[in-house]
Amino acid sequence: MAVFSITGDIDPFLHVSLKRGETLYCESDAMVTMDSTLELKGKMKGGLAGALMRTFANGESFFQQHIEATRGDGECLLAPTLPGAMAIVDCGAQQYKLGDGAFVAATSGIDLRVRTQSLGNALFAQSGGFFITETSGTGQVAIAGFGAMRVLDVTPDKEVIIDNAHVVCWDAALRHDITVGTSRGGLLGGLVNSQFSGEGMVIRFSGRGKVYVCSRNRTAFQRWLLPAQGQ
């Protein structure tokens, strides 16, 4: 199996070592450099339907990059689109759900399956609309967050509430419910207050498992950046 490691403190690389015959797949344009023993191919993992579902669910590219050690052992460096931290999650006993833009790369034993989610979560979360990506199989997945990343532990006696724009990845065994960031005036009143106060949608996680969060809000950064570009 390909070996993942993270190198560098600021905007790190994902370093991957492959033995001859091993394969990994990654988000389009993730490859930075690779040895000449490796071969890069663009593929629709899961076929046309799977590629379309992943594109709608997590904003991933239609084609993914597959890197295979066809001519011998080799190494490559990968990097996510946005600046920030990366983490490697082990899948098998635990599986994970991925937020928008979190996926960087996965070993060949991992499959990313698109599943439907509840109407409420679909309407209000930035987690794939009516669809959400969940891992299956055994291996490793590299994820990226915008800014710094931290792992939070959720236990039955300690629920966690997180602004949905900061959620990167979470244990699939956890229950997650979407609500507004303010409780004033019910759902409709909360939505209105949310717009005026700057409070957004939040996700309440319960059960037992881990949640990966990032320090930066991609949507807020885009709003800040676009007016700046127009000046």
Protein backbone atom coordinates (compact mmCIF):
# COMPACT_ATOMS: atom_id res chain seq x y z
CA MET A 1 0.00 0.00 0.00
CA ALA A 2 1.22 3.53 -0.77
CA VAL A 3 2.71 5.26 2.27
CA PHE A 4 1.47 8.78 3.08
CA SER A 5 3.35 11.35 5.15
CA ILE A 6 3.06 15.13 5.55
CA THR A 7 6.16 17.25 5.10
CA GLY A 8 6.53 20.95 5.84
CA ASP A 9 5.03 23.15 8.56
CA ILE A 10 3.38 25.89 6.48
CA ASP A 11 1.26 24.87 3.48
CA PRO A 12 2.75 21.36 3.61
CA PHE A 13 3.14 18.75 0.91
CA LEU A 14 1.71 15.26 1.02
CA HIS A 15 4.67 12.94 0.39
CA VAL A 16 3.77 9.53 -1.05
CA SER A 17 6.03 6.50 -1.47
CA LEU A 18 4.87 3.75 -3.82
CA LYS A 19 6.23 0.29 -4.55
CA ARG A 20 6.10 -0.98 -8.11
CA GLY A 21 2.50 -1.82 -9.06
CA GLU A 22 0.93 0.33 -6.34
CA THR A 23 -1.59 3.05 -7.16
CA LEU A 24 -3.08 6.08 -5.47
CA TYR A 25 -5.74 8.50 -6.62
CA CYS A 26 -5.98 12.18 -5.86
CA GLU A 27 -7.88 15.34 -6.67
CA SER A 28 -7.25 16.85 -10.09
CA ASP A 29 -4.19 19.14 -10.17
CA ALA A 30 -2.95 17.83 -6.81
CA MET A 31 0.28 16.40 -8.25
CA VAL A 32 3.26 18.75 -7.82
CA THR A 33 6.19 16.48 -8.73
CA MET A 34 6.81 12.77 -9.22
CA ASP A 35 9.58 10.36 -10.13
CA SER A 36 9.89 9.16 -13.73
CA THR A 37 9.03 5.62 -12.56
CA LEU A 38 5.47 6.81 -11.91
CA GLU A 39 2.70 7.32 -14.45
CA LEU A 40 -0.07 9.91 -14.18
CA LYS A 41 -3.51 9.21 -15.64
CA GLY A 42 -6.85 10.99 -15.54
CA LYS A 43 -9.76 8.68 -14.73
CA MET A 44 -13.41 8.80 -13.73
CA LYS A 45 -13.28 6.69 -10.57
CA GLY A 46 -16.59 4.92 -10.13
CA GLY A 47 -17.63 5.57 -13.73
CA LEU A 48 -19.67 8.44 -15.14
CA ALA A 49 -22.36 8.34 -12.44
CA GLY A 50 -19.81 8.25 -9.62
CA ALA A 51 -17.81 11.13 -11.11
CA LEU A 52 -20.93 13.28 -11.49
CA MET A 53 -22.08 12.54 -7.95
CA ARG A 54 -18.69 13.43 -6.44
CA THR A 55 -18.59 16.67 -8.41
CA PHE A 56 -22.01 17.72 -7.08
CA ALA A 57 -21.38 16.39 -3.56
CA ASN A 58 -17.99 17.84 -2.68
CA GLY A 59 -17.04 20.16 -5.50
CA GLU A 60 -14.36 17.76 -6.68
CA SER A 61 -13.11 17.65 -10.24
CA PHE A 62 -14.89 15.38 -12.71
CA PHE A 63 -11.64 13.56 -13.48
CA GLN A 64 -9.31 12.40 -10.73
CA GLN A 65 -5.58 11.85 -11.07
CA HIS A 66 -4.36 8.27 -10.71
CA ILE A 67 -0.66 7.81 -10.04
CA GLU A 68 0.74 4.32 -10.57
CA ALA A 69 4.25 2.98 -10.06
CA THR A 70 4.48 1.29 -13.46
CA ARG A 71 8.25 1.31 -14.01
CA GLY A 72 9.51 0.75 -10.46
CA ASP A 73 9.34 2.21 -6.96
CA GLY A 74 8.83 5.95 -6.79
CA GLU A 75 7.82 9.01 -4.80
CA CYS A 76 5.60 12.01 -5.45
CA LEU A 77 4.54 15.24 -3.79
CA LEU A 78 0.91 16.36 -3.75
CA ALA A 79 -0.71 19.57 -2.54
CA PRO A 80 -4.30 20.80 -2.05
CA THR A 81 -5.78 23.78 -3.88
CA LEU A 82 -6.22 26.07 -0.87
CA PRO A 83 -3.44 27.04 1.55
CA GLY A 84 -3.59 25.30 4.89
CA ALA A 85 -2.92 22.17 6.90
CA MET A 86 -3.36 18.55 5.93
CA ALA A 87 -4.07 15.41 7.93
CA ILE A 88 -4.03 11.68 7.21
CA VAL A 89 -6.97 9.58 8.45
CA ASP A 90 -6.90 5.79 8.73
CA CYS A 91 -10.02 4.11 7.39
CA GLY A 92 -11.18 0.60 8.18
CA ALA A 93 -12.63 0.22 11.65
CA GLN A 94 -13.72 3.85 11.35
CA GLN A 95 -15.02 5.50 8.21
CA TYR A 96 -15.34 9.23 7.60
CA LYS A 97 -17.53 11.81 5.90
CA LEU A 98 -15.83 14.63 4.03
CA GLY A 99 -16.76 18.30 3.79
CA ASP A 100 -16.50 20.40 0.65
CA GLY A 101 -13.01 20.44 -0.82
CA ALA A 102 -11.51 18.26 1.93
CA PHE A 103 -10.32 15.38 -0.26
CA VAL A 104 -6.69 15.38 -1.40
CA ALA A 105 -5.71 11.76 -2.01
CA ALA A 106 -6.44 8.16 -1.05
CA THR A 107 -4.73 4.80 -1.23
CA SER A 108 -6.11 2.25 -3.70
CA GLY A 109 -8.07 0.32 -1.04
CA ILE A 110 -10.33 3.31 -0.35
CA ASP A 111 -13.55 4.06 -2.17
CA LEU A 112 -15.41 7.36 -1.89
CA ARG A 113 -19.14 6.75 -1.94
CA VAL A 114 -21.74 9.44 -2.39
CA ARG A 115 -24.77 9.07 -0.13
CA THR A 116 -27.97 11.06 0.27
CA GLN A 117 -28.62 13.04 3.44
CA SER A 118 -31.64 14.54 5.12
CA LEU A 119 -33.54 17.44 3.56
CA GLY A 120 -32.67 19.81 6.41
CA ASN A 121 -28.96 19.06 6.21
CA ALA A 122 -29.06 19.32 2.42
CA LEU A 123 -30.64 22.77 2.44
CA PHE A 124 -28.49 24.37 5.11
CA ALA A 125 -25.10 22.64 5.24
CA GLN A 126 -22.08 23.27 3.06
CA SER A 127 -21.55 19.53 2.97
CA GLY A 128 -22.70 18.44 -0.46
CA GLY A 129 -26.36 19.46 -0.71
CA PHE A 130 -28.55 16.37 -0.97
CA PHE A 131 -25.43 14.22 -1.29
CA ILE A 132 -22.41 13.70 0.93
CA THR A 133 -19.16 11.81 0.42
CA GLU A 134 -18.29 8.92 2.74
CA THR A 135 -15.25 6.67 2.74
CA SER A 136 -15.35 2.88 2.60
CA GLY A 137 -12.69 0.20 2.46
CA THR A 138 -9.32 0.02 4.18
CA GLY A 139 -6.41 2.41 3.79
CA GLN A 140 -5.60 6.07 4.22
CA VAL A 141 -7.18 9.32 3.07
CA ALA A 142 -5.37 12.66 3.04
CA ILE A 143 -7.60 15.64 3.82
CA ALA A 144 -6.96 19.38 3.72
CA GLY A 145 -8.39 22.34 5.60
CA PHE A 146 -8.23 26.05 4.83
CA GLY A 147 -5.82 27.39 7.45
CA ALA A 148 -4.77 25.47 10.54
CA MET A 149 -6.46 22.19 11.48
CA ARG A 150 -7.45 20.70 14.83
CA VAL A 151 -9.04 17.41 15.88
CA LEU A 152 -11.97 17.49 18.33
CA ASP A 153 -13.18 14.49 20.30
CA VAL A 154 -16.93 14.02 20.63
CA THR A 155 -18.24 11.76 23.41
CA PRO A 156 -21.75 10.85 24.57
CA ASP A 157 -21.49 13.36 27.43
CA LYS A 158 -19.81 16.06 25.33
CA GLU A 159 -21.58 17.22 22.19
CA VAL A 160 -19.76 19.70 19.97
CA ILE A 161 -21.23 22.60 17.96
CA ILE A 162 -19.17 23.81 14.99
CA ASP A 163 -19.74 26.46 12.34
CA ASN A 164 -20.34 24.37 9.25
CA ALA A 165 -17.86 26.40 7.16
CA HIS A 166 -15.05 25.15 9.41
CA VAL A 167 -15.87 21.43 9.31
CA VAL A 168 -13.40 19.38 7.26
CA CYS A 169 -14.07 15.72 8.06
CA TRP A 170 -15.87 13.68 10.72
CA ASP A 171 -16.33 10.12 11.94
CA ALA A 172 -19.20 8.54 10.01
CA ALA A 173 -20.54 7.03 13.24
CA LEU A 174 -21.33 10.49 14.62
CA ARG A 175 -24.78 12.00 14.37
CA HIS A 176 -24.78 15.47 12.81
CA ASP A 177 -27.68 17.93 12.81
CA ILE A 178 -27.80 21.33 11.14
CA THR A 179 -29.19 24.43 12.86
CA VAL A 180 -28.74 28.19 12.77
CA GLY A 181 -26.09 29.82 14.94
CA THR A 182 -28.71 31.67 16.97
CA SER A 183 -31.78 30.32 18.74
CA ARG A 184 -33.71 33.60 18.75
CA GLY A 185 -37.19 33.53 17.24
CA GLY A 186 -37.36 29.96 15.97
CA LEU A 187 -35.99 28.76 12.65
CA LEU A 188 -37.21 31.66 10.50
CA GLY A 189 -36.27 34.25 13.10
CA GLY A 190 -32.95 32.52 13.56
CA LEU A 191 -32.23 32.71 9.84
CA VAL A 192 -33.01 36.44 9.81
CA ASN A 193 -30.94 37.11 12.93
CA SER A 194 -28.18 35.02 11.43
CA GLN A 195 -27.94 37.36 8.44
CA PHE A 196 -27.76 40.50 10.60
CA SER A 197 -25.48 39.15 13.32
CA GLY A 198 -23.05 37.29 11.05
CA GLU A 199 -23.85 34.00 12.76
CA GLY A 200 -24.06 31.21 10.20
CA MET A 201 -25.28 27.64 10.14
CA VAL A 202 -23.78 25.30 12.71
CA ILE A 203 -23.52 21.53 12.97
CA ARG A 204 -24.20 19.78 16.26
CA PHE A 205 -22.22 16.54 16.54
CA SER A 206 -23.20 13.85 19.03
CA GLY A 207 -22.13 10.27 19.76
CA ARG A 208 -18.50 9.18 19.86
CA GLY A 209 -15.82 10.01 17.31
CA LYS A 210 -13.52 12.66 15.92
CA VAL A 211 -14.19 15.86 13.97
CA TYR A 212 -11.48 17.70 12.01
CA VAL A 213 -11.96 21.46 11.84
CA CYS A 214 -10.04 24.24 10.08
CA SER A 215 -9.40 27.79 11.24
CA ARG A 216 -10.47 29.66 8.09
CA ASN A 217 -13.88 30.15 6.52
CA ARG A 218 -13.57 29.73 2.74
CA THR A 219 -16.87 31.48 1.95
CA ALA A 220 -16.07 34.49 4.16
CA PHE A 221 -12.63 34.74 2.61
CA GLN A 222 -14.12 34.75 -0.89
CA ARG A 223 -16.51 37.55 0.11
CA TRP A 224 -13.59 39.56 1.47
CA LEU A 225 -11.42 38.87 -1.57
CA LEU A 226 -13.88 39.73 -4.33
CA PRO A 227 -14.50 43.37 -3.27
CA ALA A 228 -10.76 43.76 -2.79
CA GLN A 229 -10.18 42.64 -6.38
CA GLY A 230 -12.63 45.24 -7.63
CA GLN A 231 -10.75 48.15 -6.05
